[in-house]
Amino acid sequence: MNPFGSAGKDDDTPFDGSGLKIKSIKTRRQLNEAEFESILRVTEKYLLSKPGHKLAPFTFSWLLELHREMFGSIWSWAGEIRTTQKNIGVSPNIVTAELGVIAIESENRHNETGELVLATAAEFHHRAVWVHPFEDGNGRWARLLANIWLMQHDQPVTIWPATDLRDTESPIRGQYIAAMKRADLRDYGPLIDLHKKFSE
């Protein structure tokens, strides 16, 4: 099961290793493999069986911890809110407040069932990407976050296509980007449809 997309296109190109903990990693291929293995372990922790509220409380601190679990063995900045402005995402000085919306809304929506669960998962997925709280790994973190919410509420998880959605060769990259742009306008329909299309 690969419900977050793979580690991306394999190649031997170098990359920016600032904050890299594993000094033996020299190429993008090696990085992809290390990240994939780490994320897989975390995915199994949360998705092999229904994660209870204690395991996945959707609090602000847990949202950061999930990213740290996914990438902390590889990157020193894992789970830490970024301090630099990116070409995507909100200003660093409002990341905390915007990310906190997920935590607040999770409490308000914890008892939802059926179609409402999928709609909330899609909304959380979009907000997590839109806020873009970390240096990297935001999309994979957001997709796993949405799947944990689905699994926690007895709904099928989304199995994204084999290639990572960052990959320009991903078969649904165009659809995914278009759905995210619609969600920017608070139209979550296309993103909900993608979740349904690739649900297990």
C-alpha atoms as a PDB file:
ATOM      1  CA  MET A   1       0.000   0.000   0.000  1.00  0.00           C
ATOM      2  CA  ASN A   2       1.411   3.374  -1.005  1.00  0.00           C
ATOM      3  CA  PRO A   3      -1.179   5.955   0.080  1.00  0.00           C
ATOM      4  CA  PHE A   4       1.054   8.995  -0.113  1.00  0.00           C
ATOM      5  CA  GLY A   5       2.745   8.639  -3.507  1.00  0.00           C
ATOM      6  CA  SER A   6       6.245   7.301  -3.987  1.00  0.00           C
ATOM      7  CA  ALA A   7       9.461   9.116  -3.210  1.00  0.00           C
ATOM      8  CA  GLY A   8       9.511  10.660  -6.665  1.00  0.00           C
ATOM      9  CA  LYS A   9      11.464  10.271  -9.885  1.00  0.00           C
ATOM     10  CA  ASP A  10      14.753   8.420  -9.357  1.00  0.00           C
ATOM     11  CA  ASP A  11      17.896  10.056 -10.697  1.00  0.00           C
ATOM     12  CA  ASP A  12      21.492  10.692  -9.709  1.00  0.00           C
ATOM     13  CA  THR A  13      21.399  14.467  -9.554  1.00  0.00           C
ATOM     14  CA  PRO A  14      22.804  16.261  -6.503  1.00  0.00           C
ATOM     15  CA  PHE A  15      20.576  18.333  -4.222  1.00  0.00           C
ATOM     16  CA  ASP A  16      20.758  20.886  -1.430  1.00  0.00           C
ATOM     17  CA  GLY A  17      21.819  18.888   1.602  1.00  0.00           C
ATOM     18  CA  SER A  18      21.412  21.636   4.205  1.00  0.00           C
ATOM     19  CA  GLY A  19      20.208  19.949   7.374  1.00  0.00           C
ATOM     20  CA  LEU A  20      20.812  16.420   6.072  1.00  0.00           C
ATOM     21  CA  LYS A  21      21.586  14.004   8.910  1.00  0.00           C
ATOM     22  CA  ILE A  22      22.731  11.041   6.804  1.00  0.00           C
ATOM     23  CA  LYS A  23      25.975  12.167   5.205  1.00  0.00           C
ATOM     24  CA  SER A  24      26.232   9.055   3.026  1.00  0.00           C
ATOM     25  CA  ILE A  25      23.308  10.329   0.953  1.00  0.00           C
ATOM     26  CA  LYS A  26      24.789  12.098  -2.073  1.00  0.00           C
ATOM     27  CA  THR A  27      22.152  11.912  -4.812  1.00  0.00           C
ATOM     28  CA  ARG A  28      18.454  12.505  -5.260  1.00  0.00           C
ATOM     29  CA  ARG A  29      17.955   8.777  -5.828  1.00  0.00           C
ATOM     30  CA  GLN A  30      19.494   7.934  -2.456  1.00  0.00           C
ATOM     31  CA  LEU A  31      17.468  10.657  -0.765  1.00  0.00           C
ATOM     32  CA  ASN A  32      14.247   9.421  -2.343  1.00  0.00           C
ATOM     33  CA  GLU A  33      14.919   5.891  -1.146  1.00  0.00           C
ATOM     34  CA  ALA A  34      15.687   6.988   2.415  1.00  0.00           C
ATOM     35  CA  GLU A  35      12.606   9.198   2.601  1.00  0.00           C
ATOM     36  CA  PHE A  36      10.404   6.491   1.121  1.00  0.00           C
ATOM     37  CA  GLU A  37      11.507   3.936   3.724  1.00  0.00           C
ATOM     38  CA  SER A  38      11.008   6.385   6.565  1.00  0.00           C
ATOM     39  CA  ILE A  39       7.551   7.452   5.407  1.00  0.00           C
ATOM     40  CA  LEU A  40       6.532   3.842   4.852  1.00  0.00           C
ATOM     41  CA  ARG A  41       7.263   3.003   8.488  1.00  0.00           C
ATOM     42  CA  VAL A  42       5.122   5.917   9.653  1.00  0.00           C
ATOM     43  CA  THR A  43       2.350   5.012   7.218  1.00  0.00           C
ATOM     44  CA  GLU A  44       2.243   1.486   8.605  1.00  0.00           C
ATOM     45  CA  LYS A  45       2.047   2.883  12.147  1.00  0.00           C
ATOM     46  CA  TYR A  46      -1.062   4.905  11.356  1.00  0.00           C
ATOM     47  CA  LEU A  47      -2.808   3.034   8.546  1.00  0.00           C
ATOM     48  CA  LEU A  48      -2.409  -0.702   9.131  1.00  0.00           C
ATOM     49  CA  SER A  49      -5.237  -0.433  11.652  1.00  0.00           C
ATOM     50  CA  LYS A  50      -7.589   2.314  12.744  1.00  0.00           C
ATOM     51  CA  PRO A  51      -5.617   4.973  14.640  1.00  0.00           C
ATOM     52  CA  GLY A  52      -7.332   6.050  17.832  1.00  0.00           C
ATOM     53  CA  HIS A  53      -7.606   9.628  19.025  1.00  0.00           C
ATOM     54  CA  LYS A  54      -4.759   9.033  21.464  1.00  0.00           C
ATOM     55  CA  LEU A  55      -2.410   7.955  18.676  1.00  0.00           C
ATOM     56  CA  ALA A  56      -3.521  10.671  16.247  1.00  0.00           C
ATOM     57  CA  PRO A  57      -5.119  13.504  18.271  1.00  0.00           C
ATOM     58  CA  PHE A  58      -4.840  16.115  15.489  1.00  0.00           C
ATOM     59  CA  THR A  59      -3.539  18.680  17.956  1.00  0.00           C
ATOM     60  CA  PHE A  60      -1.154  21.395  16.818  1.00  0.00           C
ATOM     61  CA  SER A  61       1.828  19.642  18.417  1.00  0.00           C
ATOM     62  CA  TRP A  62       0.880  16.324  16.827  1.00  0.00           C
ATOM     63  CA  LEU A  63       0.698  17.898  13.366  1.00  0.00           C
ATOM     64  CA  LEU A  64       4.343  18.925  13.792  1.00  0.00           C
ATOM     65  CA  GLU A  65       5.251  15.563  15.304  1.00  0.00           C
ATOM     66  CA  LEU A  66       3.808  13.679  12.313  1.00  0.00           C
ATOM     67  CA  HIS A  67       6.177  15.533   9.987  1.00  0.00           C
ATOM     68  CA  ARG A  68       9.051  14.840  12.407  1.00  0.00           C
ATOM     69  CA  GLU A  69       8.177  11.141  12.421  1.00  0.00           C
ATOM     70  CA  MET A  70       8.188  11.077   8.632  1.00  0.00           C
ATOM     71  CA  PHE A  71      11.438  12.960   8.030  1.00  0.00           C
ATOM     72  CA  GLY A  72      13.241  13.324  11.367  1.00  0.00           C
ATOM     73  CA  SER A  73      15.721  10.523  10.781  1.00  0.00           C
ATOM     74  CA  ILE A  74      16.888  12.290   7.622  1.00  0.00           C
ATOM     75  CA  TRP A  75      16.481  16.059   8.096  1.00  0.00           C
ATOM     76  CA  SER A  76      17.363  18.174  11.122  1.00  0.00           C
ATOM     77  CA  TRP A  77      14.539  20.635  10.375  1.00  0.00           C
ATOM     78  CA  ALA A  78      11.792  17.988  10.272  1.00  0.00           C
ATOM     79  CA  GLY A  79       8.758  19.039  12.283  1.00  0.00           C
ATOM     80  CA  GLU A  80       9.990  22.615  12.628  1.00  0.00           C
ATOM     81  CA  ILE A  81       7.993  25.486  11.174  1.00  0.00           C
ATOM     82  CA  ARG A  82       9.893  27.158   8.356  1.00  0.00           C
ATOM     83  CA  THR A  83      11.310  30.644   8.863  1.00  0.00           C
ATOM     84  CA  THR A  84      11.804  31.538   5.210  1.00  0.00           C
ATOM     85  CA  GLN A  85       9.356  32.725   2.565  1.00  0.00           C
ATOM     86  CA  LYS A  86       8.678  30.218  -0.223  1.00  0.00           C
ATOM     87  CA  ASN A  87       7.112  30.610  -3.639  1.00  0.00           C
ATOM     88  CA  ILE A  88       4.192  28.641  -2.207  1.00  0.00           C
ATOM     89  CA  GLY A  89       2.611  28.864   1.215  1.00  0.00           C
ATOM     90  CA  VAL A  90       1.679  31.606   3.644  1.00  0.00           C
ATOM     91  CA  SER A  91       4.093  34.051   5.250  1.00  0.00           C
ATOM     92  CA  PRO A  92       6.236  32.344   7.919  1.00  0.00           C
ATOM     93  CA  ASN A  93       4.914  34.625  10.655  1.00  0.00           C
ATOM     94  CA  ILE A  94       1.339  33.307  10.250  1.00  0.00           C
ATOM     95  CA  VAL A  95       2.110  29.606   9.690  1.00  0.00           C
ATOM     96  CA  THR A  96       1.396  28.761  13.327  1.00  0.00           C
ATOM     97  CA  ALA A  97      -2.015  30.441  13.311  1.00  0.00           C
ATOM     98  CA  GLU A  98      -3.047  28.988   9.958  1.00  0.00           C
ATOM     99  CA  LEU A  99      -1.881  25.490  10.844  1.00  0.00           C
ATOM    100  CA  GLY A 100      -3.768  25.772  14.107  1.00  0.00           C
ATOM    101  CA  VAL A 101      -7.014  25.942  12.152  1.00  0.00           C
ATOM    102  CA  ILE A 102      -6.673  22.229  11.351  1.00  0.00           C
ATOM    103  CA  ALA A 103      -6.287  21.429  15.036  1.00  0.00           C
ATOM    104  CA  ILE A 104      -9.304  23.554  15.988  1.00  0.00           C
ATOM    105  CA  GLU A 105     -11.482  22.219  13.178  1.00  0.00           C
ATOM    106  CA  SER A 106     -10.538  18.619  13.969  1.00  0.00           C
ATOM    107  CA  GLU A 107     -12.126  19.027  17.395  1.00  0.00           C
ATOM    108  CA  ASN A 108     -15.251  20.555  15.875  1.00  0.00           C
ATOM    109  CA  ARG A 109     -15.574  17.806  13.256  1.00  0.00           C
ATOM    110  CA  HIS A 110     -14.442  14.739  15.167  1.00  0.00           C
ATOM    111  CA  ASN A 111     -17.923  13.197  15.214  1.00  0.00           C
ATOM    112  CA  GLU A 112     -18.623  13.547  11.497  1.00  0.00           C
ATOM    113  CA  THR A 113     -19.533  10.474   9.466  1.00  0.00           C
ATOM    114  CA  GLY A 114     -19.872   9.399   5.833  1.00  0.00           C
ATOM    115  CA  GLU A 115     -19.398  11.934   3.068  1.00  0.00           C
ATOM    116  CA  LEU A 116     -18.631  14.700   5.548  1.00  0.00           C
ATOM    117  CA  VAL A 117     -15.481  12.838   6.605  1.00  0.00           C
ATOM    118  CA  LEU A 118     -14.150  12.807   3.053  1.00  0.00           C
ATOM    119  CA  ALA A 119     -14.982  16.490   2.594  1.00  0.00           C
ATOM    120  CA  THR A 120     -13.099  17.355   5.781  1.00  0.00           C
ATOM    121  CA  ALA A 121     -10.134  15.191   4.767  1.00  0.00           C
ATOM    122  CA  ALA A 122      -9.933  17.026   1.440  1.00  0.00           C
ATOM    123  CA  GLU A 123     -10.188  20.381   3.192  1.00  0.00           C
ATOM    124  CA  PHE A 124      -7.424  19.473   5.680  1.00  0.00           C
ATOM    125  CA  HIS A 125      -5.319  18.137   2.789  1.00  0.00           C
ATOM    126  CA  HIS A 126      -5.639  21.410   0.916  1.00  0.00           C
ATOM    127  CA  ARG A 127      -5.055  23.638   3.938  1.00  0.00           C
ATOM    128  CA  ALA A 128      -1.939  21.695   4.910  1.00  0.00           C
ATOM    129  CA  VAL A 129      -0.470  22.192   1.427  1.00  0.00           C
ATOM    130  CA  TRP A 130      -1.653  25.808   1.231  1.00  0.00           C
ATOM    131  CA  VAL A 131      -0.009  26.716   4.555  1.00  0.00           C
ATOM    132  CA  HIS A 132       3.158  24.816   3.545  1.00  0.00           C
ATOM    133  CA  PRO A 133       4.548  24.896   7.086  1.00  0.00           C
ATOM    134  CA  PHE A 134       7.828  23.023   6.552  1.00  0.00           C
ATOM    135  CA  GLU A 135      10.962  23.369   4.453  1.00  0.00           C
ATOM    136  CA  ASP A 136      10.030  20.292   2.407  1.00  0.00           C
ATOM    137  CA  GLY A 137       7.796  17.239   2.440  1.00  0.00           C
ATOM    138  CA  ASN A 138       4.607  19.275   2.770  1.00  0.00           C
ATOM    139  CA  GLY A 139       2.621  17.443   0.092  1.00  0.00           C
ATOM    140  CA  ARG A 140       3.490  13.972   1.350  1.00  0.00           C
ATOM    141  CA  TRP A 141       2.741  15.063   4.916  1.00  0.00           C
ATOM    142  CA  ALA A 142      -0.604  16.576   3.855  1.00  0.00           C
ATOM    143  CA  ARG A 143      -1.669  13.459   1.967  1.00  0.00           C
ATOM    144  CA  LEU A 144      -0.791  11.185   4.881  1.00  0.00           C
ATOM    145  CA  LEU A 145      -2.578  13.576   7.242  1.00  0.00           C
ATOM    146  CA  ALA A 146      -5.754  13.310   5.167  1.00  0.00           C
ATOM    147  CA  ASN A 147      -5.502   9.530   5.061  1.00  0.00           C
ATOM    148  CA  ILE A 148      -5.081   9.281   8.823  1.00  0.00           C
ATOM    149  CA  TRP A 149      -8.261  11.345   9.221  1.00  0.00           C
ATOM    150  CA  LEU A 150     -10.108   9.042   6.808  1.00  0.00           C
ATOM    151  CA  MET A 151      -8.850   5.892   8.510  1.00  0.00           C
ATOM    152  CA  GLN A 152      -9.675   7.263  11.942  1.00  0.00           C
ATOM    153  CA  HIS A 153     -13.251   7.847  10.806  1.00  0.00           C
ATOM    154  CA  ASP A 154     -13.773   4.434   9.156  1.00  0.00           C
ATOM    155  CA  GLN A 155     -13.468   5.664   5.578  1.00  0.00           C
ATOM    156  CA  PRO A 156     -11.267   4.189   2.815  1.00  0.00           C
ATOM    157  CA  VAL A 157      -7.878   5.834   2.418  1.00  0.00           C
ATOM    158  CA  THR A 158      -6.682   7.374  -0.828  1.00  0.00           C
ATOM    159  CA  ILE A 159      -4.043   5.401  -2.742  1.00  0.00           C
ATOM    160  CA  TRP A 160      -2.344   8.017  -4.894  1.00  0.00           C
ATOM    161  CA  PRO A 161      -0.739   6.876  -8.177  1.00  0.00           C
ATOM    162  CA  ALA A 162       2.701   5.268  -8.052  1.00  0.00           C
ATOM    163  CA  THR A 163       4.684   8.352  -8.973  1.00  0.00           C
ATOM    164  CA  ASP A 164       4.911  11.219  -6.534  1.00  0.00           C
ATOM    165  CA  LEU A 165       2.676  14.152  -7.356  1.00  0.00           C
ATOM    166  CA  ARG A 166       5.773  16.390  -7.411  1.00  0.00           C
ATOM    167  CA  ASP A 167       6.973  14.418 -10.420  1.00  0.00           C
ATOM    168  CA  THR A 168       6.227  16.116 -13.742  1.00  0.00           C
ATOM    169  CA  GLU A 169       5.596  12.634 -15.187  1.00  0.00           C
ATOM    170  CA  SER A 170       2.874  11.819 -12.651  1.00  0.00           C
ATOM    171  CA  PRO A 171      -0.245  10.727 -14.556  1.00  0.00           C
ATOM    172  CA  ILE A 172      -2.542  12.947 -12.496  1.00  0.00           C
ATOM    173  CA  ARG A 173      -0.259  15.875 -11.676  1.00  0.00           C
ATOM    174  CA  GLY A 174      -2.264  18.266 -13.861  1.00  0.00           C
ATOM    175  CA  GLN A 175      -5.565  17.176 -12.322  1.00  0.00           C
ATOM    176  CA  TYR A 176      -4.117  17.458  -8.827  1.00  0.00           C
ATOM    177  CA  ILE A 177      -2.789  20.988  -9.372  1.00  0.00           C
ATOM    178  CA  ALA A 178      -6.087  22.060 -10.934  1.00  0.00           C
ATOM    179  CA  ALA A 179      -8.014  20.592  -7.985  1.00  0.00           C
ATOM    180  CA  MET A 180      -5.760  22.436  -5.540  1.00  0.00           C
ATOM    181  CA  LYS A 181      -6.323  25.715  -7.382  1.00  0.00           C
ATOM    182  CA  ARG A 182     -10.080  25.190  -7.181  1.00  0.00           C
ATOM    183  CA  ALA A 183      -9.712  24.494  -3.468  1.00  0.00           C
ATOM    184  CA  ASP A 184      -7.903  27.833  -3.140  1.00  0.00           C
ATOM    185  CA  LEU A 185     -11.294  29.297  -4.080  1.00  0.00           C
ATOM    186  CA  ARG A 186     -13.023  27.085  -1.478  1.00  0.00           C
ATOM    187  CA  ASP A 187     -14.332  24.725  -4.134  1.00  0.00           C
ATOM    188  CA  TYR A 188     -13.244  21.334  -2.787  1.00  0.00           C
ATOM    189  CA  GLY A 189     -15.295  19.303  -5.256  1.00  0.00           C
ATOM    190  CA  PRO A 190     -12.467  18.387  -7.679  1.00  0.00           C
ATOM    191  CA  LEU A 191     -10.140  17.406  -4.812  1.00  0.00           C
ATOM    192  CA  ILE A 192     -12.886  15.316  -3.199  1.00  0.00           C
ATOM    193  CA  ASP A 193     -13.425  13.625  -6.568  1.00  0.00           C
ATOM    194  CA  LEU A 194      -9.713  12.751  -6.790  1.00  0.00           C
ATOM    195  CA  HIS A 195      -9.797  11.276  -3.303  1.00  0.00           C
ATOM    196  CA  LYS A 196     -12.797   9.187  -4.324  1.00  0.00           C
ATOM    197  CA  LYS A 197     -11.204   8.119  -7.589  1.00  0.00           C
ATOM    198  CA  PHE A 198      -8.152   6.712  -5.856  1.00  0.00           C
ATOM    199  CA  SER A 199      -9.791   5.449  -2.657  1.00  0.00           C
ATOM    200  CA  GLU A 200      -9.055   1.899  -1.598  1.00  0.00           C
END
